Amino acid sequence: MAILKKIKGSTLMETLVATVLIIIIFMVASIILNNIFSNSINSNTDAINTHLTELHYLEINNKIELPYKESLGDWNITIDSFKDNLNTIIELEANNIKTNKTILKQYIDTK
């Protein structure tokens, strides 16, 4: 009869500890990825920047009158002009109601 060799294995306690450690690592990684994704969505300003560029184009072509006010989602947009020495400066400002973030763009009027 053949002699059976003893195969080394892990105990139940070692397996449980390894499983708990793996679960903890995955939970921490999941929380970190969730925060990164949430922050990237909240700080995305592409849509408002595009709209400000569109409003600037409309102002250049005299399609809107200054001063101008508008709301777009959570953003309050104002456009105003003022004189600075010899130049007229067009100021586009967008304020987010929820995050208190402000985007300010200034252009020199060449008309």
PDB file of N, CA and C in Angstrom:
ATOM      1  N   MET A   1       0.822  -1.160   0.000  1.00  0.00           N
ATOM      2  CA  MET A   1       0.000   0.000   0.000  1.00  0.00           C
ATOM      3  C   MET A   1       0.885   1.248   0.000  1.00  0.00           C
ATOM      4  N   ALA A   2       0.449   2.264  -0.729  1.00  0.00           N
ATOM      5  CA  ALA A   2       1.239   3.480  -0.847  1.00  0.00           C
ATOM      6  C   ALA A   2       1.087   4.331   0.401  1.00  0.00           C
ATOM      7  N   ILE A   3       2.155   4.974   0.738  1.00  0.00           N
ATOM      8  CA  ILE A   3       2.134   5.844   1.916  1.00  0.00           C
ATOM      9  C   ILE A   3       1.617   7.220   1.487  1.00  0.00           C
ATOM     10  N   LEU A   4       0.591   7.677   2.156  1.00  0.00           N
ATOM     11  CA  LEU A   4       0.029   8.987   1.838  1.00  0.00           C
ATOM     12  C   LEU A   4       0.870  10.073   2.481  1.00  0.00           C
ATOM     13  N   LYS A   5       1.217  11.057   1.669  1.00  0.00           N
ATOM     14  CA  LYS A   5       1.990  12.174   2.197  1.00  0.00           C
ATOM     15  C   LYS A   5       1.038  13.224   2.741  1.00  0.00           C
ATOM     16  N   LYS A   6       1.473  13.818   3.799  1.00  0.00           N
ATOM     17  CA  LYS A   6       0.665  14.855   4.419  1.00  0.00           C
ATOM     18  C   LYS A   6       0.847  16.162   3.634  1.00  0.00           C
ATOM     19  N   ILE A   7      -0.262  16.753   3.204  1.00  0.00           N
ATOM     20  CA  ILE A   7      -0.232  17.997   2.447  1.00  0.00           C
ATOM     21  C   ILE A   7      -0.379  19.145   3.436  1.00  0.00           C
ATOM     22  N   LYS A   8       0.530  20.129   3.280  1.00  0.00           N
ATOM     23  CA  LYS A   8       0.453  21.292   4.173  1.00  0.00           C
ATOM     24  C   LYS A   8      -0.700  22.179   3.737  1.00  0.00           C
ATOM     25  N   GLY A   9      -1.450  22.645   4.650  1.00  0.00           N
ATOM     26  CA  GLY A   9      -2.580  23.527   4.375  1.00  0.00           C
ATOM     27  C   GLY A   9      -2.694  24.558   5.480  1.00  0.00           C
ATOM     28  N   SER A  10      -3.651  25.422   5.338  1.00  0.00           N
ATOM     29  CA  SER A  10      -3.828  26.441   6.362  1.00  0.00           C
ATOM     30  C   SER A  10      -4.990  26.040   7.262  1.00  0.00           C
ATOM     31  N   THR A  11      -4.917  26.566   8.439  1.00  0.00           N
ATOM     32  CA  THR A  11      -5.986  26.271   9.384  1.00  0.00           C
ATOM     33  C   THR A  11      -7.177  27.164   9.095  1.00  0.00           C
ATOM     34  N   LEU A  12      -8.274  26.860   9.698  1.00  0.00           N
ATOM     35  CA  LEU A  12      -9.479  27.652   9.506  1.00  0.00           C
ATOM     36  C   LEU A  12      -9.276  29.080  10.012  1.00  0.00           C
ATOM     37  N   MET A  13      -8.575  29.249  11.106  1.00  0.00           N
ATOM     38  CA  MET A  13      -8.332  30.574  11.673  1.00  0.00           C
ATOM     39  C   MET A  13      -7.474  31.419  10.719  1.00  0.00           C
ATOM     40  N   GLU A  14      -6.464  30.846  10.120  1.00  0.00           N
ATOM     41  CA  GLU A  14      -5.628  31.593   9.180  1.00  0.00           C
ATOM     42  C   GLU A  14      -6.439  32.034   7.960  1.00  0.00           C
ATOM     43  N   THR A  15      -7.300  31.173   7.489  1.00  0.00           N
ATOM     44  CA  THR A  15      -8.143  31.491   6.338  1.00  0.00           C
ATOM     45  C   THR A  15      -9.107  32.622   6.674  1.00  0.00           C
ATOM     46  N   LEU A  16      -9.705  32.599   7.856  1.00  0.00           N
ATOM     47  CA  LEU A  16     -10.625  33.653   8.268  1.00  0.00           C
ATOM     48  C   LEU A  16      -9.913  34.997   8.415  1.00  0.00           C
ATOM     49  N   VAL A  17      -8.727  34.992   8.991  1.00  0.00           N
ATOM     50  CA  VAL A  17      -7.962  36.232   9.158  1.00  0.00           C
ATOM     51  C   VAL A  17      -7.604  36.807   7.792  1.00  0.00           C
ATOM     52  N   ALA A  18      -7.170  35.964   6.867  1.00  0.00           N
ATOM     53  CA  ALA A  18      -6.820  36.440   5.525  1.00  0.00           C
ATOM     54  C   ALA A  18      -8.050  37.005   4.818  1.00  0.00           C
ATOM     55  N   THR A  19      -9.190  36.373   4.978  1.00  0.00           N
ATOM     56  CA  THR A  19     -10.422  36.846   4.359  1.00  0.00           C
ATOM     57  C   THR A  19     -10.832  38.201   4.921  1.00  0.00           C
ATOM     58  N   VAL A  20     -10.754  38.365   6.223  1.00  0.00           N
ATOM     59  CA  VAL A  20     -11.103  39.643   6.853  1.00  0.00           C
ATOM     60  C   VAL A  20     -10.164  40.748   6.382  1.00  0.00           C
ATOM     61  N   LEU A  21      -8.879  40.460   6.276  1.00  0.00           N
ATOM     62  CA  LEU A  21      -7.921  41.468   5.798  1.00  0.00           C
ATOM     63  C   LEU A  21      -8.228  41.880   4.358  1.00  0.00           C
ATOM     64  N   ILE A  22      -8.555  40.925   3.519  1.00  0.00           N
ATOM     65  CA  ILE A  22      -8.880  41.244   2.125  1.00  0.00           C
ATOM     66  C   ILE A  22     -10.145  42.095   2.055  1.00  0.00           C
ATOM     67  N   ILE A  23     -11.148  41.778   2.856  1.00  0.00           N
ATOM     68  CA  ILE A  23     -12.387  42.559   2.867  1.00  0.00           C
ATOM     69  C   ILE A  23     -12.132  43.985   3.335  1.00  0.00           C
ATOM     70  N   ILE A  24     -11.308  44.149   4.357  1.00  0.00           N
ATOM     71  CA  ILE A  24     -10.982  45.496   4.859  1.00  0.00           C
ATOM     72  C   ILE A  24     -10.262  46.305   3.789  1.00  0.00           C
ATOM     73  N   ILE A  25      -9.321  45.689   3.086  1.00  0.00           N
ATOM     74  CA  ILE A  25      -8.585  46.388   2.029  1.00  0.00           C
ATOM     75  C   ILE A  25      -9.532  46.825   0.915  1.00  0.00           C
ATOM     76  N   PHE A  26     -10.440  45.950   0.512  1.00  0.00           N
ATOM     77  CA  PHE A  26     -11.396  46.313  -0.534  1.00  0.00           C
ATOM     78  C   PHE A  26     -12.357  47.408  -0.071  1.00  0.00           C
ATOM     79  N   MET A  27     -12.754  47.401   1.181  1.00  0.00           N
ATOM     80  CA  MET A  27     -13.641  48.450   1.687  1.00  0.00           C
ATOM     81  C   MET A  27     -12.946  49.810   1.675  1.00  0.00           C
ATOM     82  N   VAL A  28     -11.698  49.854   2.130  1.00  0.00           N
ATOM     83  CA  VAL A  28     -10.950  51.114   2.138  1.00  0.00           C
ATOM     84  C   VAL A  28     -10.749  51.614   0.709  1.00  0.00           C
ATOM     85  N   ALA A  29     -10.403  50.714  -0.204  1.00  0.00           N
ATOM     86  CA  ALA A  29     -10.219  51.106  -1.609  1.00  0.00           C
ATOM     87  C   ALA A  29     -11.522  51.621  -2.201  1.00  0.00           C
ATOM     88  N   SER A  30     -12.631  50.999  -1.861  1.00  0.00           N
ATOM     89  CA  SER A  30     -13.936  51.431  -2.365  1.00  0.00           C
ATOM     90  C   SER A  30     -14.282  52.829  -1.858  1.00  0.00           C
ATOM     91  N   ILE A  31     -14.033  53.109  -0.596  1.00  0.00           N
ATOM     92  CA  ILE A  31     -14.309  54.429  -0.029  1.00  0.00           C
ATOM     93  C   ILE A  31     -13.442  55.492  -0.697  1.00  0.00           C
ATOM     94  N   ILE A  32     -12.173  55.187  -0.920  1.00  0.00           N
ATOM     95  CA  ILE A  32     -11.266  56.142  -1.563  1.00  0.00           C
ATOM     96  C   ILE A  32     -11.724  56.433  -2.987  1.00  0.00           C
ATOM     97  N   LEU A  33     -12.055  55.407  -3.752  1.00  0.00           N
ATOM     98  CA  LEU A  33     -12.507  55.607  -5.130  1.00  0.00           C
ATOM     99  C   LEU A  33     -13.825  56.382  -5.177  1.00  0.00           C
ATOM    100  N   ASN A  34     -14.704  56.127  -4.224  1.00  0.00           N
ATOM    101  CA  ASN A  34     -15.970  56.854  -4.170  1.00  0.00           C
ATOM    102  C   ASN A  34     -15.728  58.345  -3.920  1.00  0.00           C
ATOM    103  N   ASN A  35     -14.813  58.683  -3.020  1.00  0.00           N
ATOM    104  CA  ASN A  35     -14.497  60.089  -2.746  1.00  0.00           C
ATOM    105  C   ASN A  35     -13.872  60.765  -3.966  1.00  0.00           C
ATOM    106  N   ILE A  36     -12.973  60.067  -4.647  1.00  0.00           N
ATOM    107  CA  ILE A  36     -12.336  60.637  -5.833  1.00  0.00           C
ATOM    108  C   ILE A  36     -13.379  60.902  -6.910  1.00  0.00           C
ATOM    109  N   PHE A  37     -14.267  59.949  -7.135  1.00  0.00           N
ATOM    110  CA  PHE A  37     -15.308  60.108  -8.153  1.00  0.00           C
ATOM    111  C   PHE A  37     -16.263  61.240  -7.796  1.00  0.00           C
ATOM    112  N   SER A  38     -16.657  61.308  -6.549  1.00  0.00           N
ATOM    113  CA  SER A  38     -17.567  62.358  -6.100  1.00  0.00           C
ATOM    114  C   SER A  38     -16.930  63.740  -6.254  1.00  0.00           C
ATOM    115  N   ASN A  39     -15.662  63.873  -5.887  1.00  0.00           N
ATOM    116  CA  ASN A  39     -14.972  65.158  -6.011  1.00  0.00           C
ATOM    117  C   ASN A  39     -14.807  65.575  -7.467  1.00  0.00           C
ATOM    118  N   SER A  40     -14.557  64.610  -8.343  1.00  0.00           N
ATOM    119  CA  SER A  40     -14.392  64.962  -9.756  1.00  0.00           C
ATOM    120  C   SER A  40     -15.708  65.438 -10.355  1.00  0.00           C
ATOM    121  N   ILE A  41     -16.823  64.871  -9.924  1.00  0.00           N
ATOM    122  CA  ILE A  41     -18.126  65.320 -10.421  1.00  0.00           C
ATOM    123  C   ILE A  41     -18.448  66.712  -9.888  1.00  0.00           C
ATOM    124  N   ASN A  42     -18.177  66.963  -8.617  1.00  0.00           N
ATOM    125  CA  ASN A  42     -18.491  68.266  -8.016  1.00  0.00           C
ATOM    126  C   ASN A  42     -17.614  69.395  -8.555  1.00  0.00           C
ATOM    127  N   SER A  43     -16.391  69.084  -8.953  1.00  0.00           N
ATOM    128  CA  SER A  43     -15.494  70.141  -9.420  1.00  0.00           C
ATOM    129  C   SER A  43     -15.500  70.298 -10.931  1.00  0.00           C
ATOM    130  N   ASN A  44     -16.366  69.593 -11.634  1.00  0.00           N
ATOM    131  CA  ASN A  44     -16.445  69.690 -13.084  1.00  0.00           C
ATOM    132  C   ASN A  44     -17.164  70.979 -13.465  1.00  0.00           C
ATOM    133  N   THR A  45     -16.460  71.862 -14.157  1.00  0.00           N
ATOM    134  CA  THR A  45     -17.034  73.150 -14.553  1.00  0.00           C
ATOM    135  C   THR A  45     -17.060  73.315 -16.073  1.00  0.00           C
ATOM    136  N   ASP A  46     -16.979  72.223 -16.817  1.00  0.00           N
ATOM    137  CA  ASP A  46     -16.947  72.310 -18.279  1.00  0.00           C
ATOM    138  C   ASP A  46     -18.224  72.921 -18.839  1.00  0.00           C
ATOM    139  N   ALA A  47     -19.375  72.528 -18.314  1.00  0.00           N
ATOM    140  CA  ALA A  47     -20.646  73.028 -18.848  1.00  0.00           C
ATOM    141  C   ALA A  47     -20.789  74.536 -18.635  1.00  0.00           C
ATOM    142  N   ILE A  48     -20.434  75.020 -17.471  1.00  0.00           N
ATOM    143  CA  ILE A  48     -20.574  76.454 -17.194  1.00  0.00           C
ATOM    144  C   ILE A  48     -19.548  77.263 -17.993  1.00  0.00           C
ATOM    145  N   ASN A  49     -18.341  76.721 -18.159  1.00  0.00           N
ATOM    146  CA  ASN A  49     -17.335  77.411 -18.970  1.00  0.00           C
ATOM    147  C   ASN A  49     -17.788  77.523 -20.424  1.00  0.00           C
ATOM    148  N   THR A  50     -18.408  76.471 -20.938  1.00  0.00           N
ATOM    149  CA  THR A  50     -18.933  76.499 -22.302  1.00  0.00           C
ATOM    150  C   THR A  50     -20.039  77.543 -22.431  1.00  0.00           C
ATOM    151  N   HIS A  51     -20.908  77.603 -21.443  1.00  0.00           N
ATOM    152  CA  HIS A  51     -22.005  78.581 -21.476  1.00  0.00           C
ATOM    153  C   HIS A  51     -21.467  80.012 -21.366  1.00  0.00           C
ATOM    154  N   LEU A  52     -20.447  80.229 -20.549  1.00  0.00           N
ATOM    155  CA  LEU A  52     -19.849  81.564 -20.447  1.00  0.00           C
ATOM    156  C   LEU A  52     -19.212  81.977 -21.770  1.00  0.00           C
ATOM    157  N   THR A  53     -18.597  81.040 -22.457  1.00  0.00           N
ATOM    158  CA  THR A  53     -18.009  81.331 -23.768  1.00  0.00           C
ATOM    159  C   THR A  53     -19.099  81.686 -24.773  1.00  0.00           C
ATOM    160  N   GLU A  54     -20.209  80.967 -24.713  1.00  0.00           N
ATOM    161  CA  GLU A  54     -21.344  81.265 -25.588  1.00  0.00           C
ATOM    162  C   GLU A  54     -21.909  82.658 -25.294  1.00  0.00           C
ATOM    163  N   LEU A  55     -22.042  83.007 -24.016  1.00  0.00           N
ATOM    164  CA  LEU A  55     -22.554  84.338 -23.655  1.00  0.00           C
ATOM    165  C   LEU A  55     -21.595  85.442 -24.108  1.00  0.00           C
ATOM    166  N   HIS A  56     -20.301  85.175 -24.020  1.00  0.00           N
ATOM    167  CA  HIS A  56     -19.314  86.148 -24.474  1.00  0.00           C
ATOM    168  C   HIS A  56     -19.452  86.362 -25.985  1.00  0.00           C
ATOM    169  N   TYR A  57     -19.653  85.287 -26.710  1.00  0.00           N
ATOM    170  CA  TYR A  57     -19.869  85.388 -28.158  1.00  0.00           C
ATOM    171  C   TYR A  57     -21.121  86.205 -28.464  1.00  0.00           C
ATOM    172  N   LEU A  58     -22.200  85.944 -27.721  1.00  0.00           N
ATOM    173  CA  LEU A  58     -23.442  86.691 -27.938  1.00  0.00           C
ATOM    174  C   LEU A  58     -23.262  88.172 -27.616  1.00  0.00           C
ATOM    175  N   GLU A  59     -22.475  88.477 -26.597  1.00  0.00           N
ATOM    176  CA  GLU A  59     -22.236  89.870 -26.220  1.00  0.00           C
ATOM    177  C   GLU A  59     -21.401  90.568 -27.287  1.00  0.00           C
ATOM    178  N   ILE A  60     -20.428  89.890 -27.855  1.00  0.00           N
ATOM    179  CA  ILE A  60     -19.599  90.480 -28.909  1.00  0.00           C
ATOM    180  C   ILE A  60     -20.464  90.850 -30.112  1.00  0.00           C
ATOM    181  N   ASN A  61     -21.430  89.999 -30.421  1.00  0.00           N
ATOM    182  CA  ASN A  61     -22.286  90.216 -31.592  1.00  0.00           C
ATOM    183  C   ASN A  61     -23.572  90.979 -31.256  1.00  0.00           C
ATOM    184  N   ASN A  62     -23.598  91.623 -30.104  1.00  0.00           N
ATOM    185  CA  ASN A  62     -24.716  92.476 -29.672  1.00  0.00           C
ATOM    186  C   ASN A  62     -26.055  91.740 -29.656  1.00  0.00           C
ATOM    187  N   LYS A  63     -26.061  90.510 -29.230  1.00  0.00           N
ATOM    188  CA  LYS A  63     -27.299  89.732 -29.121  1.00  0.00           C
ATOM    189  C   LYS A  63     -27.893  89.808 -27.718  1.00  0.00           C
ATOM    190  N   ILE A  64     -27.095  90.244 -26.741  1.00  0.00           N
ATOM    191  CA  ILE A  64     -27.589  90.442 -25.383  1.00  0.00           C
ATOM    192  C   ILE A  64     -27.189  91.840 -24.928  1.00  0.00           C
ATOM    193  N   GLU A  65     -27.987  92.400 -24.032  1.00  0.00           N
ATOM    194  CA  GLU A  65     -27.699  93.731 -23.507  1.00  0.00           C
ATOM    195  C   GLU A  65     -27.096  93.619 -22.116  1.00  0.00           C
ATOM    196  N   LEU A  66     -26.164  94.517 -21.843  1.00  0.00           N
ATOM    197  CA  LEU A  66     -25.513  94.532 -20.529  1.00  0.00           C
ATOM    198  C   LEU A  66     -26.181  95.577 -19.654  1.00  0.00           C
ATOM    199  N   PRO A  67     -26.280  95.406 -18.386  1.00  0.00           N
ATOM    200  CA  PRO A  67     -25.905  94.236 -17.582  1.00  0.00           C
ATOM    201  C   PRO A  67     -26.869  93.073 -17.820  1.00  0.00           C
ATOM    202  N   TYR A  68     -26.358  91.864 -17.682  1.00  0.00           N
ATOM    203  CA  TYR A  68     -27.104  90.652 -17.990  1.00  0.00           C
ATOM    204  C   TYR A  68     -27.059  89.726 -16.784  1.00  0.00           C
ATOM    205  N   LYS A  69     -28.193  89.120 -16.444  1.00  0.00           N
ATOM    206  CA  LYS A  69     -28.265  88.166 -15.332  1.00  0.00           C
ATOM    207  C   LYS A  69     -29.024  86.941 -15.790  1.00  0.00           C
ATOM    208  N   GLU A  70     -28.583  85.781 -15.300  1.00  0.00           N
ATOM    209  CA  GLU A  70     -29.200  84.512 -15.696  1.00  0.00           C
ATOM    210  C   GLU A  70     -28.890  83.463 -14.640  1.00  0.00           C
ATOM    211  N   SER A  71     -29.763  82.460 -14.543  1.00  0.00           N
ATOM    212  CA  SER A  71     -29.515  81.298 -13.694  1.00  0.00           C
ATOM    213  C   SER A  71     -29.452  80.065 -14.586  1.00  0.00           C
ATOM    214  N   LEU A  72     -28.470  79.225 -14.329  1.00  0.00           N
ATOM    215  CA  LEU A  72     -28.304  77.981 -15.075  1.00  0.00           C
ATOM    216  C   LEU A  72     -28.030  76.877 -14.062  1.00  0.00           C
ATOM    217  N   GLY A  73     -29.053  76.123 -13.718  1.00  0.00           N
ATOM    218  CA  GLY A  73     -28.896  75.082 -12.704  1.00  0.00           C
ATOM    219  C   GLY A  73     -28.598  75.706 -11.355  1.00  0.00           C
ATOM    220  N   ASP A  74     -27.460  75.344 -10.782  1.00  0.00           N
ATOM    221  CA  ASP A  74     -27.028  75.890  -9.489  1.00  0.00           C
ATOM    222  C   ASP A  74     -26.179  77.154  -9.653  1.00  0.00           C
ATOM    223  N   TRP A  75     -26.009  77.636 -10.871  1.00  0.00           N
ATOM    224  CA  TRP A  75     -25.126  78.756 -11.149  1.00  0.00           C
ATOM    225  C   TRP A  75     -25.920  80.032 -11.391  1.00  0.00           C
ATOM    226  N   ASN A  76     -25.483  81.124 -10.787  1.00  0.00           N
ATOM    227  CA  ASN A  76     -25.991  82.468 -11.067  1.00  0.00           C
ATOM    228  C   ASN A  76     -24.942  83.185 -11.905  1.00  0.00           C
ATOM    229  N   ILE A  77     -25.360  83.661 -13.073  1.00  0.00           N
ATOM    230  CA  ILE A  77     -24.430  84.265 -14.017  1.00  0.00           C
ATOM    231  C   ILE A  77     -24.759  85.744 -14.149  1.00  0.00           C
ATOM    232  N   THR A  78     -23.723  86.581 -14.067  1.00  0.00           N
ATOM    233  CA  THR A  78     -23.888  88.016 -14.303  1.00  0.00           C
ATOM    234  C   THR A  78     -22.812  88.482 -15.279  1.00  0.00           C
ATOM    235  N   ILE A  79     -23.214  89.370 -16.154  1.00  0.00           N
ATOM    236  CA  ILE A  79     -22.265  89.969 -17.097  1.00  0.00           C
ATOM    237  C   ILE A  79     -22.420  91.477 -16.960  1.00  0.00           C
ATOM    238  N   ASP A  80     -21.280  92.147 -16.820  1.00  0.00           N
ATOM    239  CA  ASP A  80     -21.292  93.588 -16.659  1.00  0.00           C
ATOM    240  C   ASP A  80     -20.076  94.172 -17.362  1.00  0.00           C
ATOM    241  N   SER A  81     -20.130  95.460 -17.630  1.00  0.00           N
ATOM    242  CA  SER A  81     -18.984  96.123 -18.253  1.00  0.00           C
ATOM    243  C   SER A  81     -18.611  97.337 -17.413  1.00  0.00           C
ATOM    244  N   PHE A  82     -17.321  97.651 -17.436  1.00  0.00           N
ATOM    245  CA  PHE A  82     -16.856  98.850 -16.743  1.00  0.00           C
ATOM    246  C   PHE A  82     -15.626  99.385 -17.454  1.00  0.00           C
ATOM    247  N   LYS A  83     -15.384 100.670 -17.237  1.00  0.00           N
ATOM    248  CA  LYS A  83     -14.252 101.343 -17.870  1.00  0.00           C
ATOM    249  C   LYS A  83     -13.024 101.235 -16.981  1.00  0.00           C
ATOM    250  N   ASP A  84     -11.893 100.950 -17.609  1.00  0.00           N
ATOM    251  CA  ASP A  84     -10.612 100.908 -16.916  1.00  0.00           C
ATOM    252  C   ASP A  84      -9.625 101.686 -17.779  1.00  0.00           C
ATOM    253  N   ASN A  85      -9.291 102.872 -17.354  1.00  0.00           N
ATOM    254  CA  ASN A  85      -8.471 103.786 -18.154  1.00  0.00           C
ATOM    255  C   ASN A  85      -9.128 104.016 -19.507  1.00  0.00           C
ATOM    256  N   LEU A  86      -8.530 103.529 -20.596  1.00  0.00           N
ATOM    257  CA  LEU A  86      -9.068 103.754 -21.931  1.00  0.00           C
ATOM    258  C   LEU A  86      -9.872 102.570 -22.447  1.00  0.00           C
ATOM    259  N   ASN A  87      -9.837 101.458 -21.736  1.00  0.00           N
ATOM    260  CA  ASN A  87     -10.477 100.224 -22.206  1.00  0.00           C
ATOM    261  C   ASN A  87     -11.808  99.969 -21.498  1.00  0.00           C
ATOM    262  N   THR A  88     -12.692  99.309 -22.209  1.00  0.00           N
ATOM    263  CA  THR A  88     -13.923  98.816 -21.603  1.00  0.00           C
ATOM    264  C   THR A  88     -13.730  97.330 -21.347  1.00  0.00           C
ATOM    265  N   ILE A  89     -13.962  96.917 -20.117  1.00  0.00           N
ATOM    266  CA  ILE A  89     -13.742  95.519 -19.738  1.00  0.00           C
ATOM    267  C   ILE A  89     -15.093  94.858 -19.512  1.00  0.00           C
ATOM    268  N   ILE A  90     -15.257  93.697 -20.139  1.00  0.00           N
ATOM    269  CA  ILE A  90     -16.464  92.888 -19.975  1.00  0.00           C
ATOM    270  C   ILE A  90     -16.130  91.816 -18.942  1.00  0.00           C
ATOM    271  N   GLU A  91     -16.945  91.756 -17.888  1.00  0.00           N
ATOM    272  CA  GLU A  91     -16.704  90.811 -16.793  1.00  0.00           C
ATOM    273  C   GLU A  91     -17.844  89.799 -16.727  1.00  0.00           C
ATOM    274  N   LEU A  92     -17.504  88.520 -16.889  1.00  0.00           N
ATOM    275  CA  LEU A  92     -18.459  87.432 -16.771  1.00  0.00           C
ATOM    276  C   LEU A  92     -18.186  86.722 -15.459  1.00  0.00           C
ATOM    277  N   GLU A  93     -19.201  86.614 -14.617  1.00  0.00           N
ATOM    278  CA  GLU A  93     -19.038  85.987 -13.308  1.00  0.00           C
ATOM    279  C   GLU A  93     -20.136  84.951 -13.103  1.00  0.00           C
ATOM    280  N   ALA A  94     -19.714  83.751 -12.676  1.00  0.00           N
ATOM    281  CA  ALA A  94     -20.656  82.676 -12.383  1.00  0.00           C
ATOM    282  C   ALA A  94     -20.421  82.218 -10.954  1.00  0.00           C
ATOM    283  N   ASN A  95     -21.484  82.211 -10.145  1.00  0.00           N
ATOM    284  CA  ASN A  95     -21.408  81.782  -8.744  1.00  0.00           C
ATOM    285  C   ASN A  95     -22.270  80.544  -8.561  1.00  0.00           C
ATOM    286  N   ASN A  96     -21.687  79.503  -7.951  1.00  0.00           N
ATOM    287  CA  ASN A  96     -22.446  78.302  -7.648  1.00  0.00           C
ATOM    288  C   ASN A  96     -23.113  78.469  -6.294  1.00  0.00           C
ATOM    289  N   ILE A  97     -24.411  78.211  -6.232  1.00  0.00           N
ATOM    290  CA  ILE A  97     -25.179  78.404  -4.999  1.00  0.00           C
ATOM    291  C   ILE A  97     -24.783  77.374  -3.943  1.00  0.00           C
ATOM    292  N   LYS A  98     -24.592  76.134  -4.363  1.00  0.00           N
ATOM    293  CA  LYS A  98     -24.324  75.058  -3.403  1.00  0.00           C
ATOM    294  C   LYS A  98     -22.889  75.056  -2.889  1.00  0.00           C
ATOM    295  N   THR A  99     -21.923  75.226  -3.788  1.00  0.00           N
ATOM    296  CA  THR A  99     -20.523  75.080  -3.389  1.00  0.00           C
ATOM    297  C   THR A  99     -19.811  76.400  -3.156  1.00  0.00           C
ATOM    298  N   ASN A 100     -20.486  77.528  -3.428  1.00  0.00           N
ATOM    299  CA  ASN A 100     -19.892  78.867  -3.306  1.00  0.00           C
ATOM    300  C   ASN A 100     -18.656  79.042  -4.183  1.00  0.00           C
ATOM    301  N   LYS A 101     -18.572  78.274  -5.264  1.00  0.00           N
ATOM    302  CA  LYS A 101     -17.458  78.402  -6.194  1.00  0.00           C
ATOM    303  C   LYS A 101     -17.759  79.540  -7.156  1.00  0.00           C
ATOM    304  N   THR A 102     -16.738  80.325  -7.486  1.00  0.00           N
ATOM    305  CA  THR A 102     -16.897  81.463  -8.378  1.00  0.00           C
ATOM    306  C   THR A 102     -15.953  81.324  -9.561  1.00  0.00           C
ATOM    307  N   ILE A 103     -16.499  81.547 -10.747  1.00  0.00           N
ATOM    308  CA  ILE A 103     -15.693  81.583 -11.965  1.00  0.00           C
ATOM    309  C   ILE A 103     -15.791  83.009 -12.498  1.00  0.00           C
ATOM    310  N   LEU A 104     -14.655  83.644 -12.696  1.00  0.00           N
ATOM    311  CA  LEU A 104     -14.609  85.029 -13.146  1.00  0.00           C
ATOM    312  C   LEU A 104     -13.763  85.106 -14.406  1.00  0.00           C
ATOM    313  N   LYS A 105     -14.348  85.672 -15.463  1.00  0.00           N
ATOM    314  CA  LYS A 105     -13.620  85.872 -16.718  1.00  0.00           C
ATOM    315  C   LYS A 105     -13.769  87.328 -17.104  1.00  0.00           C
ATOM    316  N   GLN A 106     -12.662  87.916 -17.541  1.00  0.00           N
ATOM    317  CA  GLN A 106     -12.674  89.306 -17.972  1.00  0.00           C
ATOM    318  C   GLN A 106     -12.086  89.397 -19.380  1.00  0.00           C
ATOM    319  N   TYR A 107     -12.738  90.201 -20.209  1.00  0.00           N
ATOM    320  CA  TYR A 107     -12.302  90.405 -21.574  1.00  0.00           C
ATOM    321  C   TYR A 107     -12.257  91.901 -21.849  1.00  0.00           C
ATOM    322  N   ILE A 108     -11.331  92.313 -22.670  1.00  0.00           N
ATOM    323  CA  ILE A 108     -11.257  93.706 -23.097  1.00  0.00           C
ATOM    324  C   ILE A 108     -12.127  93.858 -24.329  1.00  0.00           C
ATOM    325  N   ASP A 109     -13.046  94.803 -24.262  1.00  0.00           N
ATOM    326  CA  ASP A 109     -13.956  95.047 -25.377  1.00  0.00           C
ATOM    327  C   ASP A 109     -13.194  95.771 -26.489  1.00  0.00           C
ATOM    328  N   THR A 110     -13.221  95.224 -27.688  1.00  0.00           N
ATOM    329  CA  THR A 110     -12.480  95.799 -28.800  1.00  0.00           C
ATOM    330  C   THR A 110     -13.368  96.566 -29.771  1.00  0.00           C
ATOM    331  N   LYS A 111     -14.619  96.809 -29.410  1.00  0.00           N
ATOM    332  CA  LYS A 111     -15.539  97.547 -30.307  1.00  0.00           C
ATOM    333  C   LYS A 111     -15.202  99.000 -30.355  1.00  0.00           C
TER     334      LYS A 111
END
